Amino acid sequence: MAEALTIEKTVKTVDKRNDLNDLTSTEWVQETKSFFYQKGLGAGSPEAKYEKMHPAPFSFTDITKLIKFFTKKDGKVLDPFSGVGSTIKACVELEREGFGVELSSSWCKITQQRLLVESKVKLDKEHLICGDSRDLKKFFPKNHFDFIVTSPPYWNILEKKDHKANKRVVNGHETKYSEDENDLGNIDDYEKFLTELSKIFLSCYDLLKAGKYMCIIVSDFRHKSEFYSFHSDLMYKLTDKKLKKRFHLKGIKVLIQNAKKLFPYGYPFSYVENIHHQYVLILQKPKDERTK
């Protein structure tokens, strides 16, 4: 009898009231920490091949944590800046239905190849749209997604000719998103870039189901002599109380990139940070739009 009770206690149970995810109470609480450490695939992993091709990649292992918390099995997930398909891959692994929109036909082709090689999945035009995220409302109906997650373009900072860019050139990898004039990464003016990006995320409001979440993974950055607090600039744009439809900020999680290489920026004259973290903006569409 005692043995039976012990076994019963070890069985994972999900609260019947939990309509957000498939986590137990213990798993839930662990994921509410305001930080987590980046867990990459490792330099020697064959699955890192495709992620390395992109100039600003993020690992599907990091996206997996967010998808696990903010969706249940079979939930619909959108990545409006799909890149090389890390979000879609994570969805396949977790038995969610992943959708991606990507402007560059080159990255779309690489995503198709990646999912076919790594996950044995052939993506159709419904789940991977090679198009402009400014047209999201044309691609998808209202109240369609259970979760939206992405890492958007970081302005045009990838065009800097520094040690990182030089290393990518030596390795035969791209140093910018694309040459497309519609690419947000090719906008010269920061305020214009921020406005265009914000419009895209605000259009996601109608695509999300009521009460569901959007997570945006961003990093602050330096450009020439200026330091840009990109995460806060974007956050204020999306949560402005003057908006008729605005997201509610539910938290900011820090993604710690402790394995990144250190460089002697500024030494020995001035303080210049090695930026070894990103921010995850956690935004929610109100359950009752009258509370917006």
Protein backbone atom coordinates (compact mmCIF):
# COMPACT_ATOMS: atom_id res chain seq x y z
CA MET A 1 0.00 0.00 0.00
CA ALA A 2 2.83 2.40 0.93
CA GLU A 3 4.58 1.59 -2.33
CA ALA A 4 1.43 2.38 -4.31
CA LEU A 5 1.12 5.77 -2.58
CA THR A 6 4.76 6.58 -3.38
CA ILE A 7 4.24 5.80 -7.06
CA GLU A 8 1.07 7.88 -7.14
CA LYS A 9 2.88 10.91 -5.71
CA THR A 10 5.53 10.76 -8.45
CA VAL A 11 2.99 10.83 -11.27
CA LYS A 12 2.96 14.25 -12.95
CA THR A 13 -0.45 15.89 -12.86
CA VAL A 14 -1.60 19.09 -14.53
CA ASP A 15 -4.20 21.19 -12.74
CA LYS A 16 -7.55 20.95 -14.52
CA ARG A 17 -7.85 24.74 -14.31
CA ASN A 18 -4.59 25.22 -16.21
CA ASP A 19 -5.62 26.34 -19.69
CA LEU A 20 -2.23 27.85 -20.54
CA ASN A 21 0.21 24.94 -20.68
CA ASP A 22 0.85 21.30 -19.83
CA LEU A 23 3.12 21.93 -16.83
CA THR A 24 2.76 20.65 -13.30
CA SER A 25 2.79 23.15 -10.42
CA THR A 26 6.48 22.45 -9.73
CA GLU A 27 7.45 22.92 -13.38
CA TRP A 28 5.34 26.09 -13.58
CA VAL A 29 7.01 27.76 -10.59
CA GLN A 30 10.52 26.98 -11.90
CA GLU A 31 9.74 28.80 -15.15
CA THR A 32 8.65 32.00 -13.39
CA LYS A 33 12.22 33.00 -12.54
CA SER A 34 13.08 36.36 -14.08
CA PHE A 35 16.12 34.88 -15.86
CA PHE A 36 17.35 31.76 -17.61
CA TYR A 37 20.68 30.74 -19.10
CA GLN A 38 21.11 30.34 -22.83
CA LYS A 39 21.40 26.71 -23.79
CA GLY A 40 22.86 26.49 -27.27
CA LEU A 41 23.27 23.38 -29.35
CA GLY A 42 27.04 23.41 -28.97
CA ALA A 43 29.64 24.20 -31.63
CA GLY A 44 30.04 20.56 -32.58
CA SER A 45 26.36 19.80 -32.97
CA PRO A 46 25.28 18.97 -36.54
CA GLU A 47 21.99 20.75 -35.80
CA ALA A 48 23.88 24.03 -35.25
CA LYS A 49 24.77 24.13 -38.94
CA TYR A 50 21.67 26.00 -40.08
CA GLU A 51 21.45 28.37 -37.12
CA LYS A 52 25.04 29.51 -37.75
CA MET A 53 24.14 30.55 -41.29
CA HIS A 54 21.94 33.40 -40.05
CA PRO A 55 23.65 36.66 -38.98
CA ALA A 56 21.52 36.95 -35.81
CA PRO A 57 20.45 33.42 -34.84
CA PHE A 58 18.75 32.18 -31.71
CA SER A 59 18.64 28.57 -30.69
CA PHE A 60 15.46 26.53 -30.90
CA THR A 61 16.39 25.17 -27.45
CA ASP A 62 15.78 28.63 -25.93
CA ILE A 63 12.52 29.06 -27.82
CA THR A 64 11.45 25.63 -26.58
CA LYS A 65 11.29 26.91 -22.98
CA LEU A 66 8.93 29.71 -23.96
CA ILE A 67 6.69 27.54 -26.12
CA LYS A 68 6.40 24.96 -23.34
CA PHE A 69 5.19 27.58 -20.88
CA PHE A 70 2.85 29.57 -23.09
CA THR A 71 1.11 26.80 -25.05
CA LYS A 72 -0.51 23.42 -24.73
CA LYS A 73 0.01 20.50 -27.10
CA ASP A 74 -1.37 21.25 -30.60
CA GLY A 75 -1.38 25.00 -29.94
CA LYS A 76 -0.82 27.35 -32.88
CA VAL A 77 2.40 29.40 -32.70
CA LEU A 78 3.51 32.24 -35.00
CA ASP A 79 6.99 33.64 -35.60
CA PRO A 80 6.64 36.82 -37.74
CA PHE A 81 10.43 37.00 -38.32
CA SER A 82 11.12 33.34 -38.93
CA GLY A 83 14.78 33.50 -40.01
CA VAL A 84 16.06 29.93 -40.38
CA GLY A 85 13.01 28.39 -38.71
CA SER A 86 14.09 27.87 -35.09
CA THR A 87 10.55 28.48 -33.81
CA ILE A 88 8.95 26.10 -36.31
CA LYS A 89 11.53 23.45 -35.44
CA ALA A 90 10.79 23.85 -31.72
CA CYS A 91 7.07 23.49 -32.46
CA VAL A 92 7.66 20.25 -34.35
CA GLU A 93 9.68 18.88 -31.43
CA LEU A 94 6.95 19.86 -28.94
CA GLU A 95 3.94 18.77 -31.04
CA ARG A 96 2.70 22.31 -31.62
CA GLU A 97 1.64 23.77 -34.96
CA GLY A 98 4.28 26.28 -36.01
CA PHE A 99 3.86 29.10 -38.53
CA GLY A 100 6.55 31.43 -39.83
CA VAL A 101 6.76 34.54 -42.01
CA GLU A 102 10.12 35.45 -43.55
CA LEU A 103 10.91 38.21 -46.07
CA SER A 104 14.07 36.64 -47.51
CA SER A 105 13.58 33.85 -50.03
CA SER A 106 17.09 32.60 -49.15
CA TRP A 107 16.21 32.09 -45.48
CA CYS A 108 12.91 30.48 -46.51
CA LYS A 109 14.78 27.93 -48.62
CA ILE A 110 17.20 27.22 -45.79
CA THR A 111 14.28 26.76 -43.38
CA GLN A 112 12.65 24.28 -45.75
CA GLN A 113 15.91 22.35 -46.04
CA ARG A 114 16.55 22.46 -42.29
CA LEU A 115 13.12 21.11 -41.33
CA LEU A 116 13.36 18.39 -43.95
CA VAL A 117 16.84 17.28 -42.82
CA GLU A 118 16.50 17.69 -39.05
CA SER A 119 12.82 16.98 -38.44
CA LYS A 120 11.70 15.07 -41.56
CA VAL A 121 9.00 17.69 -42.14
CA LYS A 122 8.13 19.27 -45.47
CA LEU A 123 6.65 22.72 -44.85
CA ASP A 124 3.76 23.95 -46.98
CA LYS A 125 3.02 27.56 -47.96
CA GLU A 126 0.51 27.92 -45.16
CA HIS A 127 3.05 27.23 -42.41
CA LEU A 128 6.03 29.04 -43.96
CA ILE A 129 5.09 32.21 -45.81
CA CYS A 130 7.83 33.93 -47.76
CA GLY A 131 6.52 37.46 -47.50
CA ASP A 132 6.53 40.78 -45.65
CA SER A 133 5.38 40.77 -42.02
CA ARG A 134 3.75 44.12 -42.66
CA ASP A 135 1.04 42.00 -44.31
CA LEU A 136 0.37 39.65 -41.38
CA LYS A 137 -3.33 40.45 -41.33
CA LYS A 138 -3.59 39.37 -44.97
CA PHE A 139 -1.97 36.04 -44.20
CA PHE A 140 -3.90 35.00 -41.10
CA PRO A 141 -7.39 35.43 -39.63
CA LYS A 142 -8.19 37.16 -36.35
CA ASN A 143 -7.89 35.28 -33.06
CA HIS A 144 -5.92 32.51 -34.76
CA PHE A 145 -2.84 32.01 -32.58
CA ASP A 146 -2.24 30.72 -29.07
CA PHE A 147 1.23 32.26 -28.88
CA ILE A 148 3.50 34.58 -30.86
CA VAL A 149 7.26 34.48 -30.31
CA THR A 150 10.16 35.93 -32.25
CA SER A 151 13.50 37.70 -32.26
CA PRO A 152 13.10 40.65 -34.65
CA PRO A 153 15.72 42.54 -36.68
CA TYR A 154 18.09 44.71 -34.64
CA TRP A 155 18.04 47.77 -36.88
CA ASN A 156 21.08 47.99 -39.22
CA ILE A 157 23.77 47.26 -36.62
CA LEU A 158 24.76 44.07 -38.42
CA GLU A 159 26.47 46.27 -41.02
CA LYS A 160 29.17 47.24 -38.53
CA LYS A 161 32.60 46.10 -39.72
CA ASP A 162 33.91 44.77 -36.43
CA HIS A 163 35.63 41.57 -35.28
CA LYS A 164 32.34 39.65 -35.22
CA ALA A 165 31.50 40.57 -38.80
CA ASN A 166 35.02 39.76 -39.95
CA LYS A 167 34.82 36.32 -38.34
CA ARG A 168 31.53 35.60 -40.14
CA VAL A 169 33.08 36.63 -43.45
CA VAL A 170 36.03 34.30 -42.86
CA ASN A 171 33.59 31.44 -42.12
CA GLY A 172 31.56 32.19 -45.24
CA HIS A 173 28.44 33.34 -43.36
CA GLU A 174 26.16 36.31 -44.04
CA THR A 175 26.69 39.58 -42.16
CA LYS A 176 23.26 41.13 -42.82
CA TYR A 177 19.67 39.93 -43.09
CA SER A 178 19.15 40.65 -46.79
CA GLU A 179 19.50 43.26 -49.52
CA ASP A 180 15.72 43.73 -49.81
CA GLU A 181 14.67 47.39 -49.59
CA ASN A 182 11.68 46.30 -47.47
CA ASP A 183 13.93 44.68 -44.89
CA LEU A 184 13.71 46.51 -41.55
CA GLY A 185 17.41 45.84 -41.10
CA ASN A 186 18.13 48.16 -44.02
CA ILE A 187 16.44 51.23 -42.51
CA ASP A 188 19.04 53.91 -41.66
CA ASP A 189 17.03 55.97 -39.17
CA TYR A 190 16.50 54.34 -35.75
CA GLU A 191 13.19 56.07 -35.00
CA LYS A 192 11.78 55.08 -38.38
CA PHE A 193 12.95 51.51 -37.80
CA LEU A 194 11.34 51.44 -34.36
CA THR A 195 8.05 52.79 -35.71
CA GLU A 196 7.90 50.26 -38.55
CA LEU A 197 8.73 47.37 -36.22
CA SER A 198 6.14 48.49 -33.67
CA LYS A 199 3.41 48.61 -36.31
CA ILE A 200 4.10 44.97 -37.15
CA PHE A 201 3.88 43.86 -33.52
CA LEU A 202 0.74 45.91 -32.92
CA SER A 203 -0.86 44.16 -35.89
CA CYS A 204 -0.26 40.89 -34.00
CA TYR A 205 -2.83 42.00 -31.42
CA ASP A 206 -5.77 40.93 -33.59
CA LEU A 207 -4.10 37.65 -34.58
CA LEU A 208 -3.75 36.49 -30.97
CA LYS A 209 -6.59 34.87 -29.07
CA ALA A 210 -7.85 36.85 -26.07
CA GLY A 211 -5.74 36.29 -22.97
CA LYS A 212 -2.81 34.81 -24.91
CA TYR A 213 0.80 35.98 -24.95
CA MET A 214 3.49 37.36 -27.24
CA CYS A 215 7.20 37.09 -26.35
CA ILE A 216 9.75 39.28 -28.11
CA ILE A 217 13.45 38.49 -27.66
CA VAL A 218 15.62 41.59 -28.06
CA SER A 219 18.98 42.96 -27.03
CA ASP A 220 20.15 46.48 -26.36
CA PHE A 221 23.10 47.58 -28.47
CA ARG A 222 25.71 50.20 -29.23
CA HIS A 223 25.88 52.09 -32.49
CA LYS A 224 28.93 54.27 -32.94
CA SER A 225 29.18 56.25 -29.67
CA GLU A 226 25.54 55.77 -28.64
CA PHE A 227 23.97 53.08 -26.46
CA TYR A 228 20.38 52.20 -27.44
CA SER A 229 17.96 50.75 -24.89
CA PHE A 230 16.11 48.90 -27.63
CA HIS A 231 14.07 46.68 -25.30
CA SER A 232 12.57 49.62 -23.39
CA ASP A 233 11.97 51.71 -26.53
CA LEU A 234 10.02 48.86 -28.10
CA MET A 235 8.20 48.02 -24.86
CA TYR A 236 6.81 51.56 -24.52
CA LYS A 237 5.65 51.57 -28.12
CA LEU A 238 3.58 48.40 -27.60
CA THR A 239 2.10 49.23 -24.19
CA ASP A 240 1.30 52.94 -24.64
CA LYS A 241 -1.99 53.65 -22.83
CA LYS A 242 -3.00 56.02 -25.64
CA LEU A 243 -3.40 53.04 -27.99
CA LYS A 244 -6.89 51.69 -28.64
CA LYS A 245 -5.44 48.18 -28.74
CA ARG A 246 -2.40 47.73 -26.54
CA PHE A 247 -0.60 44.82 -24.99
CA HIS A 248 -0.20 44.50 -21.24
CA LEU A 249 3.39 44.03 -20.05
CA LYS A 250 3.44 40.96 -17.78
CA GLY A 251 7.17 40.71 -17.19
CA ILE A 252 10.68 40.96 -18.59
CA LYS A 253 12.83 37.84 -18.49
CA VAL A 254 16.61 38.05 -18.89
CA LEU A 255 18.27 35.49 -21.15
CA ILE A 256 21.85 35.20 -19.91
CA GLN A 257 24.50 34.46 -22.54
CA ASN A 258 27.29 33.50 -20.19
CA ALA A 259 29.29 31.51 -22.76
CA LYS A 260 29.93 34.44 -25.11
CA LYS A 261 33.50 35.52 -25.63
CA LEU A 262 34.76 38.62 -23.81
CA PHE A 263 36.48 41.43 -25.72
CA PRO A 264 38.47 44.36 -24.27
CA TYR A 265 36.09 47.06 -25.51
CA GLY A 266 37.16 50.54 -24.37
CA TYR A 267 40.27 49.36 -22.55
CA PRO A 268 42.13 51.24 -21.12
CA PHE A 269 40.22 54.47 -21.73
CA SER A 270 36.48 54.07 -21.10
CA TYR A 271 33.73 51.72 -19.99
CA VAL A 272 32.17 49.78 -22.87
CA GLU A 273 29.96 46.80 -22.04
CA ASN A 274 30.23 43.28 -23.30
CA ILE A 275 26.49 42.71 -23.76
CA HIS A 276 25.96 39.12 -22.66
CA HIS A 277 22.21 39.02 -22.21
CA GLN A 278 18.97 39.53 -24.05
CA TYR A 279 15.53 40.54 -22.83
CA VAL A 280 12.34 38.58 -23.32
CA LEU A 281 9.40 41.01 -23.31
CA ILE A 282 6.34 39.10 -22.11
CA LEU A 283 3.18 40.76 -23.39
CA GLN A 284 -0.45 39.69 -23.07
CA LYS A 285 -3.56 40.50 -25.05
CA PRO A 286 -6.24 41.22 -22.40
CA LYS A 287 -8.73 38.43 -21.70
CA ASP A 288 -11.46 41.04 -21.69
CA GLU A 289 -10.71 43.76 -24.24
CA ARG A 290 -12.73 46.21 -22.15
CA THR A 291 -9.76 46.19 -19.71
CA LYS A 292 -7.30 47.34 -22.34
